[in-house]
């Protein structure tokens, strides 16, 4: 296996991951198949100039793929999803207090789901949805 092809393959894979496409979808940008994409990423072969041009038209940094140097000297930002774009748009338009609350909610949210434990007595007003566990009983909401 040629070392230059391997590094080209690794960089091609990095660009595929940066724009968020699976191997099949990425290969389709260059009118190729998944097996060809796998071979490119493994360094078995490399895309032709025509295929690289098709990748470039889809936002792939072909200079980086070939040379390891980013176009403009700066690594491109990862492509964001429509959901992330909507969140960013809403965040930028929000009042500072709302932005702070959003950041607090994201930082404080447990990764495995939401839980709440209360010790002592007190009153809490609000709307709760989901399942509730009381001792060994599970109530469906």
C-alpha atoms as a PDB file:
ATOM      1  CA  UNK A   1       0.000   0.000   0.000  1.00  0.00           C
ATOM      2  CA  UNK A   2       1.374   3.427  -0.981  1.00  0.00           C
ATOM      3  CA  UNK A   3       1.898   5.754   2.028  1.00  0.00           C
ATOM      4  CA  UNK A   4       0.707   8.790   0.020  1.00  0.00           C
ATOM      5  CA  UNK A   5      -2.558   7.038  -0.842  1.00  0.00           C
ATOM      6  CA  UNK A   6      -3.060   6.110   2.803  1.00  0.00           C
ATOM      7  CA  UNK A   7      -2.742   9.706   3.969  1.00  0.00           C
ATOM      8  CA  UNK A   8      -5.011  10.862   1.159  1.00  0.00           C
ATOM      9  CA  UNK A   9      -7.496   8.191   2.225  1.00  0.00           C
ATOM     10  CA  UNK A  10      -7.341   9.256   5.865  1.00  0.00           C
ATOM     11  CA  UNK A  11      -7.877  12.891   4.913  1.00  0.00           C
ATOM     12  CA  UNK A  12     -10.737  11.965   2.569  1.00  0.00           C
ATOM     13  CA  UNK A  13     -12.376  10.107   5.464  1.00  0.00           C
ATOM     14  CA  UNK A  14     -11.859  13.135   7.732  1.00  0.00           C
ATOM     15  CA  UNK A  15     -13.579  15.378   5.180  1.00  0.00           C
ATOM     16  CA  UNK A  16     -16.429  12.873   4.799  1.00  0.00           C
ATOM     17  CA  UNK A  17     -16.923  12.907   8.561  1.00  0.00           C
ATOM     18  CA  UNK A  18     -16.650  16.706   8.725  1.00  0.00           C
ATOM     19  CA  UNK A  19     -19.548  17.160   6.313  1.00  0.00           C
ATOM     20  CA  UNK A  20     -21.508  14.431   8.087  1.00  0.00           C
ATOM     21  CA  UNK A  21     -22.089  11.860   5.358  1.00  0.00           C
ATOM     22  CA  UNK A  22     -22.006   8.071   5.446  1.00  0.00           C
ATOM     23  CA  UNK A  23     -19.657   6.315   3.018  1.00  0.00           C
ATOM     24  CA  UNK A  24     -22.408   5.513   0.507  1.00  0.00           C
ATOM     25  CA  UNK A  25     -23.757   9.086   0.377  1.00  0.00           C
ATOM     26  CA  UNK A  26     -20.261  10.584   0.191  1.00  0.00           C
ATOM     27  CA  UNK A  27     -19.202   8.241  -2.632  1.00  0.00           C
ATOM     28  CA  UNK A  28     -22.366   9.165  -4.531  1.00  0.00           C
ATOM     29  CA  UNK A  29     -21.159  12.787  -4.666  1.00  0.00           C
ATOM     30  CA  UNK A  30     -18.419  11.535  -6.997  1.00  0.00           C
ATOM     31  CA  UNK A  31     -20.596   9.006  -8.824  1.00  0.00           C
ATOM     32  CA  UNK A  32     -18.867   6.129  -7.020  1.00  0.00           C
ATOM     33  CA  UNK A  33     -20.029   3.277  -4.798  1.00  0.00           C
ATOM     34  CA  UNK A  34     -19.492   2.406  -1.168  1.00  0.00           C
ATOM     35  CA  UNK A  35     -16.843  -0.252  -1.966  1.00  0.00           C
ATOM     36  CA  UNK A  36     -14.840   2.360  -3.892  1.00  0.00           C
ATOM     37  CA  UNK A  37     -15.133   4.776  -0.968  1.00  0.00           C
ATOM     38  CA  UNK A  38     -13.864   2.100   1.411  1.00  0.00           C
ATOM     39  CA  UNK A  39     -10.894   1.446  -0.892  1.00  0.00           C
ATOM     40  CA  UNK A  40     -10.123   5.185  -1.034  1.00  0.00           C
ATOM     41  CA  UNK A  41     -10.236   5.479   2.745  1.00  0.00           C
ATOM     42  CA  UNK A  42      -8.024   2.400   3.184  1.00  0.00           C
ATOM     43  CA  UNK A  43      -5.497   3.765   0.686  1.00  0.00           C
ATOM     44  CA  UNK A  44      -6.024   0.946  -1.819  1.00  0.00           C
ATOM     45  CA  UNK A  45      -6.791   3.498  -4.536  1.00  0.00           C
ATOM     46  CA  UNK A  46      -7.597   7.191  -4.794  1.00  0.00           C
ATOM     47  CA  UNK A  47     -10.250   9.302  -6.524  1.00  0.00           C
ATOM     48  CA  UNK A  48      -9.609  10.667  -9.991  1.00  0.00           C
ATOM     49  CA  UNK A  49      -9.263  14.384 -10.684  1.00  0.00           C
ATOM     50  CA  UNK A  50     -12.829  14.433 -12.056  1.00  0.00           C
ATOM     51  CA  UNK A  51     -14.131  12.811  -8.861  1.00  0.00           C
ATOM     52  CA  UNK A  52     -12.174  15.259  -6.703  1.00  0.00           C
ATOM     53  CA  UNK A  53     -13.744  18.108  -8.689  1.00  0.00           C
ATOM     54  CA  UNK A  54     -17.206  16.700  -7.889  1.00  0.00           C
ATOM     55  CA  UNK A  55     -16.257  16.510  -4.200  1.00  0.00           C
ATOM     56  CA  UNK A  56     -15.051  20.126  -4.302  1.00  0.00           C
ATOM     57  CA  UNK A  57     -18.392  21.220  -5.767  1.00  0.00           C
ATOM     58  CA  UNK A  58     -20.047  19.629  -2.702  1.00  0.00           C
ATOM     59  CA  UNK A  59     -17.947  21.498  -0.151  1.00  0.00           C
ATOM     60  CA  UNK A  60     -15.070  19.058   0.352  1.00  0.00           C
ATOM     61  CA  UNK A  61     -11.696  20.760   0.905  1.00  0.00           C
ATOM     62  CA  UNK A  62      -9.869  18.967  -1.905  1.00  0.00           C
ATOM     63  CA  UNK A  63      -6.618  20.881  -1.275  1.00  0.00           C
ATOM     64  CA  UNK A  64      -6.582  19.341   2.206  1.00  0.00           C
ATOM     65  CA  UNK A  65      -7.404  15.873   0.851  1.00  0.00           C
ATOM     66  CA  UNK A  66      -4.480  15.984  -1.584  1.00  0.00           C
ATOM     67  CA  UNK A  67      -1.831  17.938   0.346  1.00  0.00           C
ATOM     68  CA  UNK A  68      -2.864  17.975   4.000  1.00  0.00           C
ATOM     69  CA  UNK A  69      -2.986  21.804   3.914  1.00  0.00           C
ATOM     70  CA  UNK A  70      -6.369  23.444   4.464  1.00  0.00           C
ATOM     71  CA  UNK A  71      -7.633  25.910   1.865  1.00  0.00           C
ATOM     72  CA  UNK A  72      -7.033  29.357   3.348  1.00  0.00           C
ATOM     73  CA  UNK A  73      -4.772  27.778   5.967  1.00  0.00           C
ATOM     74  CA  UNK A  74      -7.660  27.193   8.387  1.00  0.00           C
ATOM     75  CA  UNK A  75      -9.545  23.975   9.087  1.00  0.00           C
ATOM     76  CA  UNK A  76     -13.157  24.391   7.942  1.00  0.00           C
ATOM     77  CA  UNK A  77     -15.848  24.288  10.595  1.00  0.00           C
ATOM     78  CA  UNK A  78     -17.903  21.101  10.744  1.00  0.00           C
ATOM     79  CA  UNK A  79     -21.185  21.187   8.867  1.00  0.00           C
ATOM     80  CA  UNK A  80     -24.095  21.783  11.258  1.00  0.00           C
ATOM     81  CA  UNK A  81     -27.465  20.088  11.084  1.00  0.00           C
ATOM     82  CA  UNK A  82     -30.738  21.932  10.488  1.00  0.00           C
ATOM     83  CA  UNK A  83     -31.610  21.314  14.147  1.00  0.00           C
ATOM     84  CA  UNK A  84     -28.332  22.903  15.297  1.00  0.00           C
ATOM     85  CA  UNK A  85     -28.856  25.844  12.947  1.00  0.00           C
ATOM     86  CA  UNK A  86     -32.367  26.424  14.317  1.00  0.00           C
ATOM     87  CA  UNK A  87     -31.054  26.279  17.891  1.00  0.00           C
ATOM     88  CA  UNK A  88     -28.302  28.766  17.085  1.00  0.00           C
ATOM     89  CA  UNK A  89     -30.753  31.147  15.363  1.00  0.00           C
ATOM     90  CA  UNK A  90     -33.119  31.064  18.344  1.00  0.00           C
ATOM     91  CA  UNK A  91     -30.239  31.447  20.796  1.00  0.00           C
ATOM     92  CA  UNK A  92     -28.862  34.511  19.003  1.00  0.00           C
ATOM     93  CA  UNK A  93     -32.304  36.164  18.929  1.00  0.00           C
ATOM     94  CA  UNK A  94     -33.034  35.470  22.621  1.00  0.00           C
ATOM     95  CA  UNK A  95     -32.711  37.937  25.483  1.00  0.00           C
ATOM     96  CA  UNK A  96     -29.596  37.494  27.675  1.00  0.00           C
ATOM     97  CA  UNK A  97     -31.614  35.925  30.510  1.00  0.00           C
ATOM     98  CA  UNK A  98     -33.109  33.357  28.137  1.00  0.00           C
ATOM     99  CA  UNK A  99     -29.648  32.559  26.716  1.00  0.00           C
ATOM    100  CA  UNK A 100     -28.354  32.039  30.242  1.00  0.00           C
ATOM    101  CA  UNK A 101     -31.270  29.742  31.073  1.00  0.00           C
ATOM    102  CA  UNK A 102     -30.696  27.736  27.885  1.00  0.00           C
ATOM    103  CA  UNK A 103     -27.013  27.283  28.674  1.00  0.00           C
ATOM    104  CA  UNK A 104     -27.877  26.337  32.260  1.00  0.00           C
ATOM    105  CA  UNK A 105     -30.450  23.797  31.087  1.00  0.00           C
ATOM    106  CA  UNK A 106     -28.004  22.192  28.661  1.00  0.00           C
ATOM    107  CA  UNK A 107     -25.154  22.111  31.180  1.00  0.00           C
ATOM    108  CA  UNK A 108     -27.352  20.738  33.966  1.00  0.00           C
ATOM    109  CA  UNK A 109     -29.244  18.140  31.954  1.00  0.00           C
ATOM    110  CA  UNK A 110     -28.218  14.581  32.804  1.00  0.00           C
ATOM    111  CA  UNK A 111     -27.060  12.601  29.783  1.00  0.00           C
ATOM    112  CA  UNK A 112     -29.168   9.524  30.629  1.00  0.00           C
ATOM    113  CA  UNK A 113     -32.513  11.268  30.986  1.00  0.00           C
ATOM    114  CA  UNK A 114     -34.124  13.551  33.511  1.00  0.00           C
ATOM    115  CA  UNK A 115     -34.474  12.710  37.189  1.00  0.00           C
ATOM    116  CA  UNK A 116     -35.592  14.762  40.151  1.00  0.00           C
ATOM    117  CA  UNK A 117     -35.288  13.856  43.819  1.00  0.00           C
ATOM    118  CA  UNK A 118     -36.885  15.876  46.593  1.00  0.00           C
ATOM    119  CA  UNK A 119     -36.078  15.495  50.286  1.00  0.00           C
ATOM    120  CA  UNK A 120     -38.279  17.092  52.921  1.00  0.00           C
ATOM    121  CA  UNK A 121     -41.507  18.902  52.199  1.00  0.00           C
ATOM    122  CA  UNK A 122     -42.349  21.726  49.903  1.00  0.00           C
ATOM    123  CA  UNK A 123     -44.515  22.855  47.065  1.00  0.00           C
ATOM    124  CA  UNK A 124     -43.554  22.846  43.441  1.00  0.00           C
ATOM    125  CA  UNK A 125     -45.739  24.238  40.731  1.00  0.00           C
ATOM    126  CA  UNK A 126     -45.316  23.278  37.117  1.00  0.00           C
ATOM    127  CA  UNK A 127     -46.154  20.744  34.470  1.00  0.00           C
ATOM    128  CA  UNK A 128     -44.546  17.317  34.527  1.00  0.00           C
ATOM    129  CA  UNK A 129     -44.825  14.678  31.837  1.00  0.00           C
ATOM    130  CA  UNK A 130     -43.446  11.162  31.670  1.00  0.00           C
ATOM    131  CA  UNK A 131     -43.342   8.151  33.976  1.00  0.00           C
ATOM    132  CA  UNK A 132     -43.255   8.527  37.744  1.00  0.00           C
ATOM    133  CA  UNK A 133     -41.645   6.025  40.124  1.00  0.00           C
ATOM    134  CA  UNK A 134     -43.029   5.937  43.671  1.00  0.00           C
ATOM    135  CA  UNK A 135     -41.109   3.324  45.619  1.00  0.00           C
ATOM    136  CA  UNK A 136     -41.366   0.144  43.584  1.00  0.00           C
ATOM    137  CA  UNK A 137     -44.492   1.301  41.730  1.00  0.00           C
ATOM    138  CA  UNK A 138     -44.215   2.871  38.310  1.00  0.00           C
ATOM    139  CA  UNK A 139     -47.040   5.155  37.211  1.00  0.00           C
ATOM    140  CA  UNK A 140     -47.494   5.857  33.514  1.00  0.00           C
ATOM    141  CA  UNK A 141     -48.397   9.388  32.549  1.00  0.00           C
END
